[in-house]
Amino acid sequence: MPRANRHFLPGHVWHLTHRCHQKFFLLRFARDRRCYLRWVFEAKKRFGLSVLNYMVGLPARTNCRPST
Protein backbone atom coordinates (compact mmCIF):
# COMPACT_ATOMS: atom_id res chain seq x y z
CA MET A 1 0.00 0.00 0.00
CA PRO A 2 1.44 3.43 -0.88
CA ARG A 3 2.54 5.72 1.92
CA ALA A 4 0.62 8.95 2.55
CA ASN A 5 2.26 12.20 1.48
CA ARG A 6 4.42 13.71 4.19
CA HIS A 7 3.87 17.26 5.27
CA PHE A 8 6.05 19.58 7.33
CA LEU A 9 4.62 21.78 10.06
CA PRO A 10 7.19 24.38 11.15
CA GLY A 11 7.76 24.69 14.87
CA HIS A 12 6.55 21.18 15.73
CA VAL A 13 8.55 18.36 17.33
CA TRP A 14 9.00 15.20 15.28
CA HIS A 15 9.84 11.71 16.50
CA LEU A 16 11.76 9.88 13.77
CA THR A 17 12.22 6.13 13.75
CA HIS A 18 14.04 3.68 11.53
CA ARG A 19 12.78 0.12 11.41
CA CYS A 20 14.10 -3.16 10.08
CA HIS A 21 13.87 -3.80 6.34
CA GLN A 22 12.24 -7.15 5.57
CA LYS A 23 12.90 -8.00 9.23
CA PHE A 24 16.69 -7.54 8.92
CA PHE A 25 18.37 -4.99 11.19
CA LEU A 26 20.45 -2.88 8.79
CA LEU A 27 22.36 -0.88 11.43
CA ARG A 28 24.08 -3.93 12.87
CA PHE A 29 27.65 -2.75 12.31
CA ALA A 30 29.24 0.37 13.85
CA ARG A 31 30.19 1.75 10.42
CA ASP A 32 26.52 1.58 9.33
CA ARG A 33 25.35 3.32 12.51
CA ARG A 34 27.95 6.08 11.99
CA CYS A 35 26.83 6.50 8.38
CA TYR A 36 23.18 6.72 9.45
CA LEU A 37 24.02 9.38 12.05
CA ARG A 38 26.00 11.33 9.44
CA TRP A 39 22.92 11.34 7.19
CA VAL A 40 20.74 12.53 10.09
CA PHE A 41 23.05 15.43 10.84
CA GLU A 42 23.46 16.31 7.14
CA ALA A 43 19.66 16.57 6.94
CA LYS A 44 19.75 18.71 10.09
CA LYS A 45 22.06 21.21 8.39
CA ARG A 46 20.29 21.03 5.02
CA PHE A 47 16.78 21.62 6.37
CA GLY A 48 17.64 23.76 9.42
CA LEU A 49 16.36 21.23 11.95
CA SER A 50 17.16 20.91 15.65
CA VAL A 51 18.08 17.45 16.91
CA LEU A 52 17.04 17.25 20.56
CA ASN A 53 18.25 13.72 21.18
CA TYR A 54 19.06 10.54 19.29
CA MET A 55 19.74 6.88 19.93
CA VAL A 56 20.96 4.13 17.66
CA GLY A 57 20.94 0.74 19.34
CA LEU A 58 20.88 -2.92 18.55
CA PRO A 59 17.70 -4.97 18.95
CA ALA A 60 17.62 -7.79 21.49
CA ARG A 61 18.69 -10.13 18.69
CA THR A 62 20.92 -8.89 15.87
CA ASN A 63 18.79 -10.74 13.34
CA CYS A 64 15.18 -9.55 13.62
CA ARG A 65 13.86 -12.36 11.42
CA PRO A 66 11.84 -14.81 13.55
CA SER A 67 13.23 -18.32 13.81
CA THR A 68 11.35 -20.96 11.80
C-alpha atoms as a PDB file:
ATOM      1  CA  MET A   1       0.000   0.000   0.000  1.00  0.00           C
ATOM      2  CA  PRO A   2       1.438   3.429  -0.879  1.00  0.00           C
ATOM      3  CA  ARG A   3       2.538   5.717   1.916  1.00  0.00           C
ATOM      4  CA  ALA A   4       0.621   8.946   2.545  1.00  0.00           C
ATOM      5  CA  ASN A   5       2.265  12.200   1.477  1.00  0.00           C
ATOM      6  CA  ARG A   6       4.420  13.711   4.189  1.00  0.00           C
ATOM      7  CA  HIS A   7       3.873  17.263   5.271  1.00  0.00           C
ATOM      8  CA  PHE A   8       6.053  19.581   7.327  1.00  0.00           C
ATOM      9  CA  LEU A   9       4.617  21.780  10.059  1.00  0.00           C
ATOM     10  CA  PRO A  10       7.190  24.384  11.146  1.00  0.00           C
ATOM     11  CA  GLY A  11       7.758  24.688  14.872  1.00  0.00           C
ATOM     12  CA  HIS A  12       6.546  21.175  15.731  1.00  0.00           C
ATOM     13  CA  VAL A  13       8.548  18.364  17.334  1.00  0.00           C
ATOM     14  CA  TRP A  14       8.995  15.197  15.276  1.00  0.00           C
ATOM     15  CA  HIS A  15       9.835  11.711  16.499  1.00  0.00           C
ATOM     16  CA  LEU A  16      11.760   9.877  13.773  1.00  0.00           C
ATOM     17  CA  THR A  17      12.222   6.132  13.753  1.00  0.00           C
ATOM     18  CA  HIS A  18      14.042   3.675  11.532  1.00  0.00           C
ATOM     19  CA  ARG A  19      12.775   0.124  11.409  1.00  0.00           C
ATOM     20  CA  CYS A  20      14.102  -3.161  10.081  1.00  0.00           C
ATOM     21  CA  HIS A  21      13.866  -3.804   6.343  1.00  0.00           C
ATOM     22  CA  GLN A  22      12.242  -7.152   5.573  1.00  0.00           C
ATOM     23  CA  LYS A  23      12.905  -8.004   9.230  1.00  0.00           C
ATOM     24  CA  PHE A  24      16.686  -7.542   8.920  1.00  0.00           C
ATOM     25  CA  PHE A  25      18.367  -4.988  11.194  1.00  0.00           C
ATOM     26  CA  LEU A  26      20.449  -2.885   8.788  1.00  0.00           C
ATOM     27  CA  LEU A  27      22.361  -0.884  11.428  1.00  0.00           C
ATOM     28  CA  ARG A  28      24.077  -3.934  12.867  1.00  0.00           C
ATOM     29  CA  PHE A  29      27.648  -2.748  12.308  1.00  0.00           C
ATOM     30  CA  ALA A  30      29.239   0.366  13.854  1.00  0.00           C
ATOM     31  CA  ARG A  31      30.186   1.745  10.422  1.00  0.00           C
ATOM     32  CA  ASP A  32      26.524   1.580   9.333  1.00  0.00           C
ATOM     33  CA  ARG A  33      25.348   3.324  12.510  1.00  0.00           C
ATOM     34  CA  ARG A  34      27.952   6.077  11.987  1.00  0.00           C
ATOM     35  CA  CYS A  35      26.833   6.503   8.377  1.00  0.00           C
ATOM     36  CA  TYR A  36      23.180   6.725   9.450  1.00  0.00           C
ATOM     37  CA  LEU A  37      24.024   9.383  12.051  1.00  0.00           C
ATOM     38  CA  ARG A  38      25.999  11.327   9.443  1.00  0.00           C
ATOM     39  CA  TRP A  39      22.917  11.337   7.194  1.00  0.00           C
ATOM     40  CA  VAL A  40      20.737  12.528  10.086  1.00  0.00           C
ATOM     41  CA  PHE A  41      23.054  15.434  10.836  1.00  0.00           C
ATOM     42  CA  GLU A  42      23.461  16.313   7.137  1.00  0.00           C
ATOM     43  CA  ALA A  43      19.656  16.572   6.939  1.00  0.00           C
ATOM     44  CA  LYS A  44      19.752  18.714  10.092  1.00  0.00           C
ATOM     45  CA  LYS A  45      22.058  21.208   8.387  1.00  0.00           C
ATOM     46  CA  ARG A  46      20.291  21.031   5.021  1.00  0.00           C
ATOM     47  CA  PHE A  47      16.779  21.619   6.367  1.00  0.00           C
ATOM     48  CA  GLY A  48      17.636  23.758   9.419  1.00  0.00           C
ATOM     49  CA  LEU A  49      16.358  21.227  11.954  1.00  0.00           C
ATOM     50  CA  SER A  50      17.158  20.909  15.651  1.00  0.00           C
ATOM     51  CA  VAL A  51      18.081  17.449  16.910  1.00  0.00           C
ATOM     52  CA  LEU A  52      17.036  17.253  20.560  1.00  0.00           C
ATOM     53  CA  ASN A  53      18.254  13.715  21.178  1.00  0.00           C
ATOM     54  CA  TYR A  54      19.060  10.540  19.292  1.00  0.00           C
ATOM     55  CA  MET A  55      19.736   6.881  19.929  1.00  0.00           C
ATOM     56  CA  VAL A  56      20.962   4.130  17.658  1.00  0.00           C
ATOM     57  CA  GLY A  57      20.939   0.743  19.337  1.00  0.00           C
ATOM     58  CA  LEU A  58      20.880  -2.921  18.547  1.00  0.00           C
ATOM     59  CA  PRO A  59      17.704  -4.970  18.947  1.00  0.00           C
ATOM     60  CA  ALA A  60      17.617  -7.786  21.487  1.00  0.00           C
ATOM     61  CA  ARG A  61      18.687 -10.131  18.693  1.00  0.00           C
ATOM     62  CA  THR A  62      20.919  -8.894  15.869  1.00  0.00           C
ATOM     63  CA  ASN A  63      18.786 -10.744  13.335  1.00  0.00           C
ATOM     64  CA  CYS A  64      15.177  -9.551  13.619  1.00  0.00           C
ATOM     65  CA  ARG A  65      13.862 -12.360  11.421  1.00  0.00           C
ATOM     66  CA  PRO A  66      11.840 -14.813  13.549  1.00  0.00           C
ATOM     67  CA  SER A  67      13.231 -18.324  13.808  1.00  0.00           C
ATOM     68  CA  THR A  68      11.347 -20.958  11.804  1.00  0.00           C
END
